[in-house]
Amino acid sequence: MSQPAFEIQRHVEFYETDMAGIVHFSNFFRYMETCEHAFVRSLDHELHGVLDGLETGWPRVNASCDYRAPARFGDLLTIRLRIAEVRTRSVRYRFEIVRDETLVAEGSIAAAHVAITPDGIKAVPLPEQLRQKLLTLITDHNRA
C-alpha cells in the first residue's frame, strides 16, 4: 500500500476488549475516527465549528472495517490514514491498523461536509484551503 498521509499510535486499553480478551469490533471505528480527528487538526481545521457564519460538521455517510488478526490488551497499534477520494462536499479515507507490521484491520470512512441550519443539515463545499491540502496529499501519498 502507498505511504500514509498520517498515522498515530495507541495502546489497547483493557476496557476495549471483550470477554475473550480481544478488542471489541466497535473500537476499530473509534480508532479510525481518532486518527481522522488528529489528521484534520494537523491541517489546522476542526471537524465541528463555525465557518463563514455557519455551524459545520462532518457526519459519516459510510463506514466499513474488515478484521484480519486479533488485537489484545496492551498491544501497540499503529493507525494509518490515506486519502482515497476528495470530492466537492465529501472526503473518503482508508485506514490500516497494524501491530508490528501485522495487519489487524483495514477500513474506510466517508464523511460529508455539512452546514447545520435551522432548516436542517445540508451538504456544502469543503473549505477551499482544506480541499487543496487534501488534494496535495492524494498526489503525494497515493501513487502506486
N, C-alpha and C. Protein backbone atom coordinates (compact mmCIF):
# COMPACT_ATOMS: atom_id res chain seq x y z
N MET A 1 0.85 -1.18 0.00
CA MET A 1 0.00 0.00 0.00
C MET A 1 0.89 1.24 0.00
N SER A 2 0.38 2.33 -0.46
CA SER A 2 1.14 3.57 -0.56
C SER A 2 1.46 4.16 0.81
N GLN A 3 2.32 5.15 0.80
CA GLN A 3 2.73 5.86 2.01
C GLN A 3 1.51 6.54 2.65
N PRO A 4 1.32 6.40 3.97
CA PRO A 4 0.17 7.06 4.61
C PRO A 4 0.34 8.57 4.63
N ALA A 5 -0.79 9.26 4.61
CA ALA A 5 -0.78 10.72 4.76
C ALA A 5 -0.58 11.10 6.22
N PHE A 6 -0.96 10.18 7.12
CA PHE A 6 -0.91 10.48 8.56
C PHE A 6 -0.99 9.17 9.32
N GLU A 7 -0.41 9.14 10.51
CA GLU A 7 -0.56 7.97 11.37
C GLU A 7 -0.41 8.35 12.82
N ILE A 8 -1.07 7.55 13.67
CA ILE A 8 -0.95 7.70 15.11
C ILE A 8 -0.69 6.31 15.70
N GLN A 9 -0.26 6.30 16.96
CA GLN A 9 -0.10 5.05 17.68
C GLN A 9 -0.85 5.14 19.00
N ARG A 10 -1.33 3.99 19.46
CA ARG A 10 -2.00 3.92 20.75
C ARG A 10 -1.96 2.49 21.24
N HIS A 11 -1.97 2.36 22.56
CA HIS A 11 -2.04 1.05 23.18
C HIS A 11 -3.50 0.66 23.36
N VAL A 12 -3.79 -0.63 23.25
CA VAL A 12 -5.13 -1.13 23.51
C VAL A 12 -5.36 -1.08 25.02
N GLU A 13 -6.47 -0.50 25.41
CA GLU A 13 -6.85 -0.42 26.82
C GLU A 13 -7.70 -1.64 27.18
N PHE A 14 -7.66 -2.00 28.46
CA PHE A 14 -8.40 -3.19 28.92
C PHE A 14 -9.89 -3.08 28.61
N TYR A 15 -10.47 -1.89 28.84
CA TYR A 15 -11.91 -1.73 28.64
C TYR A 15 -12.33 -1.89 27.18
N GLU A 16 -11.38 -1.88 26.26
CA GLU A 16 -11.70 -2.03 24.83
C GLU A 16 -11.79 -3.49 24.40
N THR A 17 -11.53 -4.40 25.32
CA THR A 17 -11.53 -5.82 24.97
C THR A 17 -12.82 -6.50 25.42
N ASP A 18 -13.10 -7.63 24.79
CA ASP A 18 -14.28 -8.41 25.15
C ASP A 18 -13.90 -9.53 26.12
N MET A 19 -14.81 -10.43 26.40
CA MET A 19 -14.54 -11.49 27.37
C MET A 19 -13.47 -12.47 26.91
N ALA A 20 -13.19 -12.49 25.61
CA ALA A 20 -12.13 -13.35 25.08
C ALA A 20 -10.76 -12.64 25.13
N GLY A 21 -10.76 -11.39 25.59
CA GLY A 21 -9.51 -10.64 25.67
C GLY A 21 -9.09 -10.00 24.36
N ILE A 22 -10.00 -9.97 23.41
CA ILE A 22 -9.73 -9.41 22.08
C ILE A 22 -10.46 -8.07 21.96
N VAL A 23 -9.86 -7.13 21.24
CA VAL A 23 -10.51 -5.82 21.04
C VAL A 23 -11.89 -6.03 20.42
N HIS A 24 -12.90 -5.44 21.05
CA HIS A 24 -14.26 -5.50 20.53
C HIS A 24 -14.32 -4.79 19.19
N PHE A 25 -15.03 -5.35 18.24
CA PHE A 25 -15.05 -4.84 16.87
C PHE A 25 -15.40 -3.36 16.78
N SER A 26 -16.27 -2.87 17.64
CA SER A 26 -16.71 -1.48 17.55
C SER A 26 -15.58 -0.49 17.80
N ASN A 27 -14.57 -0.90 18.55
CA ASN A 27 -13.48 0.02 18.87
C ASN A 27 -12.62 0.37 17.66
N PHE A 28 -12.62 -0.46 16.65
CA PHE A 28 -11.84 -0.14 15.46
C PHE A 28 -12.38 1.10 14.76
N PHE A 29 -13.69 1.32 14.83
CA PHE A 29 -14.26 2.54 14.28
C PHE A 29 -13.80 3.75 15.09
N ARG A 30 -13.69 3.59 16.40
CA ARG A 30 -13.17 4.67 17.25
C ARG A 30 -11.71 4.97 16.91
N TYR A 31 -10.92 3.92 16.69
CA TYR A 31 -9.51 4.13 16.34
C TYR A 31 -9.39 4.92 15.03
N MET A 32 -10.20 4.55 14.04
CA MET A 32 -10.15 5.26 12.76
C MET A 32 -10.57 6.71 12.93
N GLU A 33 -11.64 6.92 13.70
CA GLU A 33 -12.13 8.29 13.90
C GLU A 33 -11.13 9.13 14.68
N THR A 34 -10.48 8.55 15.66
CA THR A 34 -9.46 9.29 16.43
C THR A 34 -8.32 9.71 15.51
N CYS A 35 -7.91 8.83 14.63
CA CYS A 35 -6.84 9.16 13.68
C CYS A 35 -7.30 10.27 12.74
N GLU A 36 -8.53 10.16 12.25
CA GLU A 36 -9.08 11.20 11.37
C GLU A 36 -9.09 12.56 12.06
N HIS A 37 -9.54 12.61 13.31
CA HIS A 37 -9.60 13.88 14.03
C HIS A 37 -8.20 14.48 14.19
N ALA A 38 -7.23 13.66 14.57
CA ALA A 38 -5.86 14.16 14.72
C ALA A 38 -5.31 14.65 13.39
N PHE A 39 -5.62 13.94 12.32
CA PHE A 39 -5.17 14.34 10.98
C PHE A 39 -5.74 15.69 10.59
N VAL A 40 -7.05 15.86 10.75
CA VAL A 40 -7.69 17.13 10.36
C VAL A 40 -7.14 18.28 11.20
N ARG A 41 -6.94 18.04 12.51
CA ARG A 41 -6.34 19.09 13.35
C ARG A 41 -4.92 19.43 12.88
N SER A 42 -4.18 18.43 12.38
CA SER A 42 -2.82 18.69 11.90
C SER A 42 -2.83 19.60 10.67
N LEU A 43 -3.98 19.69 10.01
CA LEU A 43 -4.14 20.57 8.84
C LEU A 43 -4.75 21.92 9.23
N ASP A 44 -4.79 22.20 10.54
CA ASP A 44 -5.35 23.45 11.07
C ASP A 44 -6.83 23.62 10.74
N HIS A 45 -7.57 22.54 10.89
CA HIS A 45 -9.01 22.58 10.66
C HIS A 45 -9.68 21.77 11.77
N GLU A 46 -10.95 22.03 12.00
CA GLU A 46 -11.70 21.29 13.01
C GLU A 46 -12.85 20.54 12.34
N LEU A 47 -13.27 19.46 12.94
CA LEU A 47 -14.37 18.68 12.38
C LEU A 47 -15.73 19.24 12.76
N HIS A 48 -15.78 20.10 13.73
CA HIS A 48 -17.03 20.74 14.10
C HIS A 48 -16.69 22.17 14.48
N GLY A 49 -17.38 23.12 13.89
CA GLY A 49 -17.09 24.51 14.20
C GLY A 49 -17.98 25.45 13.43
N VAL A 50 -17.51 26.68 13.31
CA VAL A 50 -18.23 27.71 12.58
C VAL A 50 -17.35 28.17 11.43
N LEU A 51 -17.92 28.18 10.23
CA LEU A 51 -17.21 28.59 9.03
C LEU A 51 -18.10 29.54 8.26
N ASP A 52 -17.62 30.74 8.02
CA ASP A 52 -18.41 31.76 7.31
C ASP A 52 -19.79 31.95 7.93
N GLY A 53 -19.84 31.92 9.27
CA GLY A 53 -21.08 32.15 9.98
C GLY A 53 -22.01 30.96 10.07
N LEU A 54 -21.60 29.81 9.51
CA LEU A 54 -22.43 28.61 9.55
C LEU A 54 -21.82 27.56 10.47
N GLU A 55 -22.65 26.91 11.27
CA GLU A 55 -22.18 25.77 12.06
C GLU A 55 -21.96 24.62 11.08
N THR A 56 -20.77 24.02 11.13
CA THR A 56 -20.46 22.94 10.19
C THR A 56 -20.05 21.68 10.93
N GLY A 57 -20.17 20.57 10.24
CA GLY A 57 -19.77 19.29 10.78
C GLY A 57 -19.45 18.31 9.67
N TRP A 58 -19.08 17.09 10.06
CA TRP A 58 -18.66 16.05 9.13
C TRP A 58 -19.33 14.72 9.47
N PRO A 59 -20.63 14.57 9.26
CA PRO A 59 -21.26 13.28 9.55
C PRO A 59 -20.74 12.20 8.60
N ARG A 60 -20.73 10.99 9.10
CA ARG A 60 -20.31 9.85 8.30
C ARG A 60 -21.45 9.43 7.39
N VAL A 61 -21.11 9.18 6.13
CA VAL A 61 -22.11 8.68 5.20
C VAL A 61 -21.84 7.22 4.86
N ASN A 62 -20.66 6.74 5.24
CA ASN A 62 -20.32 5.33 5.05
C ASN A 62 -19.13 5.01 5.94
N ALA A 63 -19.14 3.83 6.53
CA ALA A 63 -18.00 3.35 7.31
C ALA A 63 -17.96 1.84 7.22
N SER A 64 -16.75 1.31 7.06
CA SER A 64 -16.61 -0.14 7.00
C SER A 64 -15.29 -0.55 7.63
N CYS A 65 -15.22 -1.80 8.06
CA CYS A 65 -13.99 -2.32 8.65
C CYS A 65 -13.94 -3.82 8.41
N ASP A 66 -12.79 -4.29 7.93
CA ASP A 66 -12.53 -5.72 7.76
C ASP A 66 -11.45 -6.10 8.76
N TYR A 67 -11.69 -7.18 9.47
CA TYR A 67 -10.81 -7.62 10.55
C TYR A 67 -9.92 -8.74 10.04
N ARG A 68 -8.61 -8.63 10.28
CA ARG A 68 -7.63 -9.58 9.74
C ARG A 68 -6.92 -10.41 10.81
N ALA A 69 -6.70 -9.81 11.99
CA ALA A 69 -6.00 -10.51 13.07
C ALA A 69 -6.46 -9.89 14.39
N PRO A 70 -6.41 -10.66 15.49
CA PRO A 70 -6.86 -10.11 16.77
C PRO A 70 -5.86 -9.09 17.34
N ALA A 71 -6.38 -8.16 18.09
CA ALA A 71 -5.58 -7.24 18.89
C ALA A 71 -6.02 -7.43 20.33
N ARG A 72 -5.06 -7.33 21.25
CA ARG A 72 -5.34 -7.62 22.65
C ARG A 72 -4.85 -6.49 23.55
N PHE A 73 -5.31 -6.53 24.81
CA PHE A 73 -4.91 -5.55 25.81
C PHE A 73 -3.39 -5.38 25.80
N GLY A 74 -2.97 -4.11 25.77
CA GLY A 74 -1.55 -3.78 25.82
C GLY A 74 -0.87 -3.70 24.48
N ASP A 75 -1.48 -4.25 23.43
CA ASP A 75 -0.85 -4.16 22.10
C ASP A 75 -0.68 -2.70 21.69
N LEU A 76 0.44 -2.41 21.04
CA LEU A 76 0.64 -1.09 20.47
C LEU A 76 0.18 -1.13 19.02
N LEU A 77 -0.84 -0.35 18.72
CA LEU A 77 -1.39 -0.31 17.37
C LEU A 77 -0.96 0.96 16.67
N THR A 78 -0.70 0.84 15.39
CA THR A 78 -0.45 2.00 14.54
C THR A 78 -1.64 2.11 13.61
N ILE A 79 -2.26 3.29 13.59
CA ILE A 79 -3.41 3.54 12.72
C ILE A 79 -2.94 4.48 11.62
N ARG A 80 -2.99 4.00 10.39
CA ARG A 80 -2.51 4.76 9.23
C ARG A 80 -3.69 5.23 8.39
N LEU A 81 -3.66 6.49 8.03
CA LEU A 81 -4.72 7.11 7.24
C LEU A 81 -4.19 7.44 5.86
N ARG A 82 -4.99 7.14 4.87
CA ARG A 82 -4.72 7.54 3.49
C ARG A 82 -5.97 8.22 2.95
N ILE A 83 -5.80 9.17 2.07
CA ILE A 83 -6.94 9.85 1.47
C ILE A 83 -7.28 9.11 0.18
N ALA A 84 -8.45 8.52 0.13
CA ALA A 84 -8.87 7.74 -1.03
C ALA A 84 -9.52 8.62 -2.09
N GLU A 85 -10.28 9.64 -1.64
CA GLU A 85 -11.01 10.46 -2.59
C GLU A 85 -11.39 11.79 -1.95
N VAL A 86 -11.25 12.85 -2.72
CA VAL A 86 -11.70 14.18 -2.29
C VAL A 86 -12.72 14.63 -3.33
N ARG A 87 -13.94 14.85 -2.86
CA ARG A 87 -15.00 15.34 -3.74
C ARG A 87 -15.33 16.77 -3.33
N THR A 88 -16.28 17.37 -3.98
CA THR A 88 -16.66 18.75 -3.70
C THR A 88 -17.16 18.92 -2.27
N ARG A 89 -17.95 17.94 -1.79
CA ARG A 89 -18.59 18.06 -0.48
C ARG A 89 -18.27 16.91 0.46
N SER A 90 -17.31 16.07 0.10
CA SER A 90 -17.02 14.92 0.96
C SER A 90 -15.58 14.43 0.77
N VAL A 91 -15.16 13.61 1.72
CA VAL A 91 -13.83 13.00 1.71
C VAL A 91 -13.98 11.53 2.09
N ARG A 92 -13.21 10.68 1.43
CA ARG A 92 -13.17 9.26 1.80
C ARG A 92 -11.75 8.93 2.22
N TYR A 93 -11.62 8.37 3.43
CA TYR A 93 -10.33 7.96 3.97
C TYR A 93 -10.25 6.43 3.98
N ARG A 94 -9.05 5.92 3.83
CA ARG A 94 -8.78 4.49 4.02
C ARG A 94 -7.85 4.36 5.22
N PHE A 95 -8.01 3.30 5.97
CA PHE A 95 -7.22 3.08 7.18
C PHE A 95 -6.63 1.68 7.19
N GLU A 96 -5.45 1.60 7.76
CA GLU A 96 -4.84 0.33 8.12
C GLU A 96 -4.54 0.40 9.61
N ILE A 97 -4.84 -0.67 10.30
CA ILE A 97 -4.48 -0.77 11.71
C ILE A 97 -3.54 -1.96 11.82
N VAL A 98 -2.32 -1.68 12.28
CA VAL A 98 -1.29 -2.72 12.32
C VAL A 98 -0.69 -2.84 13.71
N ARG A 99 -0.18 -4.03 13.99
CA ARG A 99 0.57 -4.32 15.20
C ARG A 99 1.87 -4.97 14.72
N ASP A 100 3.01 -4.29 14.93
CA ASP A 100 4.30 -4.83 14.49
C ASP A 100 4.25 -5.25 13.02
N GLU A 101 3.65 -4.46 12.18
CA GLU A 101 3.51 -4.71 10.74
C GLU A 101 2.57 -5.86 10.39
N THR A 102 1.89 -6.43 11.39
CA THR A 102 0.83 -7.40 11.13
C THR A 102 -0.47 -6.62 10.92
N LEU A 103 -1.10 -6.81 9.78
CA LEU A 103 -2.36 -6.12 9.51
C LEU A 103 -3.44 -6.69 10.42
N VAL A 104 -3.97 -5.84 11.28
CA VAL A 104 -5.02 -6.24 12.21
C VAL A 104 -6.39 -5.95 11.62
N ALA A 105 -6.54 -4.78 10.99
CA ALA A 105 -7.81 -4.39 10.38
C ALA A 105 -7.57 -3.34 9.33
N GLU A 106 -8.49 -3.25 8.40
CA GLU A 106 -8.46 -2.17 7.41
C GLU A 106 -9.89 -1.71 7.18
N GLY A 107 -10.05 -0.42 6.94
CA GLY A 107 -11.39 0.10 6.81
C GLY A 107 -11.42 1.41 6.08
N SER A 108 -12.60 1.98 6.03
CA SER A 108 -12.76 3.28 5.38
C SER A 108 -13.87 4.06 6.05
N ILE A 109 -13.76 5.36 5.91
CA ILE A 109 -14.80 6.28 6.38
C ILE A 109 -15.01 7.31 5.28
N ALA A 110 -16.26 7.55 4.93
CA ALA A 110 -16.61 8.65 4.04
C ALA A 110 -17.39 9.65 4.88
N ALA A 111 -16.96 10.90 4.83
CA ALA A 111 -17.60 11.95 5.62
C ALA A 111 -18.01 13.10 4.71
N ALA A 112 -19.21 13.59 4.90
CA ALA A 112 -19.71 14.73 4.13
C ALA A 112 -19.49 16.00 4.94
N HIS A 113 -19.18 17.08 4.26
CA HIS A 113 -19.05 18.39 4.92
C HIS A 113 -20.43 19.04 4.85
N VAL A 114 -20.98 19.38 6.02
CA VAL A 114 -22.34 19.90 6.06
C VAL A 114 -22.42 21.19 6.87
N ALA A 115 -23.46 21.95 6.55
CA ALA A 115 -23.85 23.10 7.36
C ALA A 115 -25.09 22.67 8.15
N ILE A 116 -25.12 23.05 9.41
CA ILE A 116 -26.23 22.72 10.28
C ILE A 116 -27.04 24.00 10.46
N THR A 117 -28.21 24.03 9.86
CA THR A 117 -29.02 25.24 9.83
C THR A 117 -30.36 24.99 10.51
N PRO A 118 -31.12 26.02 10.78
CA PRO A 118 -32.46 25.82 11.33
C PRO A 118 -33.36 25.01 10.40
N ASP A 119 -33.04 25.01 9.11
CA ASP A 119 -33.83 24.26 8.13
C ASP A 119 -33.36 22.82 7.98
N GLY A 120 -32.31 22.46 8.70
CA GLY A 120 -31.79 21.09 8.61
C GLY A 120 -30.32 21.06 8.24
N ILE A 121 -29.87 19.87 7.91
CA ILE A 121 -28.46 19.65 7.55
C ILE A 121 -28.36 19.61 6.03
N LYS A 122 -27.38 20.38 5.51
CA LYS A 122 -27.23 20.48 4.06
C LYS A 122 -25.75 20.33 3.71
N ALA A 123 -25.44 19.47 2.75
CA ALA A 123 -24.06 19.32 2.28
C ALA A 123 -23.59 20.62 1.66
N VAL A 124 -22.37 21.03 2.03
CA VAL A 124 -21.78 22.26 1.49
C VAL A 124 -20.35 21.95 1.03
N PRO A 125 -19.81 22.77 0.13
CA PRO A 125 -18.45 22.52 -0.35
C PRO A 125 -17.42 22.54 0.77
N LEU A 126 -16.37 21.73 0.61
CA LEU A 126 -15.25 21.75 1.54
C LEU A 126 -14.62 23.13 1.53
N PRO A 127 -14.10 23.60 2.66
CA PRO A 127 -13.34 24.85 2.65
C PRO A 127 -12.18 24.70 1.65
N GLU A 128 -11.99 25.68 0.81
CA GLU A 128 -11.03 25.56 -0.29
C GLU A 128 -9.61 25.29 0.20
N GLN A 129 -9.20 25.93 1.28
CA GLN A 129 -7.85 25.71 1.80
C GLN A 129 -7.67 24.25 2.23
N LEU A 130 -8.65 23.70 2.91
CA LEU A 130 -8.59 22.30 3.32
C LEU A 130 -8.62 21.39 2.10
N ARG A 131 -9.47 21.68 1.16
CA ARG A 131 -9.57 20.85 -0.06
C ARG A 131 -8.22 20.78 -0.78
N GLN A 132 -7.56 21.92 -0.90
CA GLN A 132 -6.26 21.95 -1.59
C GLN A 132 -5.23 21.12 -0.83
N LYS A 133 -5.21 21.21 0.48
CA LYS A 133 -4.28 20.40 1.28
C LYS A 133 -4.55 18.91 1.07
N LEU A 134 -5.82 18.54 1.09
CA LEU A 134 -6.18 17.14 0.90
C LEU A 134 -5.78 16.64 -0.49
N LEU A 135 -6.03 17.45 -1.50
CA LEU A 135 -5.65 17.06 -2.87
C LEU A 135 -4.15 16.90 -3.01
N THR A 136 -3.39 17.76 -2.36
CA THR A 136 -1.93 17.64 -2.39
C THR A 136 -1.48 16.32 -1.77
N LEU A 137 -2.13 15.93 -0.69
CA LEU A 137 -1.76 14.69 -0.01
C LEU A 137 -2.14 13.46 -0.83
N ILE A 138 -3.20 13.54 -1.62
CA ILE A 138 -3.53 12.43 -2.53
C ILE A 138 -2.40 12.29 -3.55
N THR A 139 -2.01 13.39 -4.15
CA THR A 139 -0.96 13.37 -5.16
C THR A 139 0.35 12.89 -4.58
N ASP A 140 0.69 13.34 -3.39
CA ASP A 140 1.98 12.99 -2.80
C ASP A 140 2.03 11.58 -2.25
N HIS A 141 0.92 11.03 -1.76
CA HIS A 141 0.98 9.79 -0.99
C HIS A 141 0.26 8.60 -1.61
N ASN A 142 -0.58 8.79 -2.60
CA ASN A 142 -1.36 7.66 -3.09
C ASN A 142 -0.95 7.19 -4.48
N ARG A 143 0.25 7.46 -4.86
CA ARG A 143 0.75 6.93 -6.12
C ARG A 143 1.08 5.47 -5.96
N ALA A 144 0.81 4.71 -6.97
CA ALA A 144 1.08 3.26 -6.92
C ALA A 144 2.56 2.97 -6.99
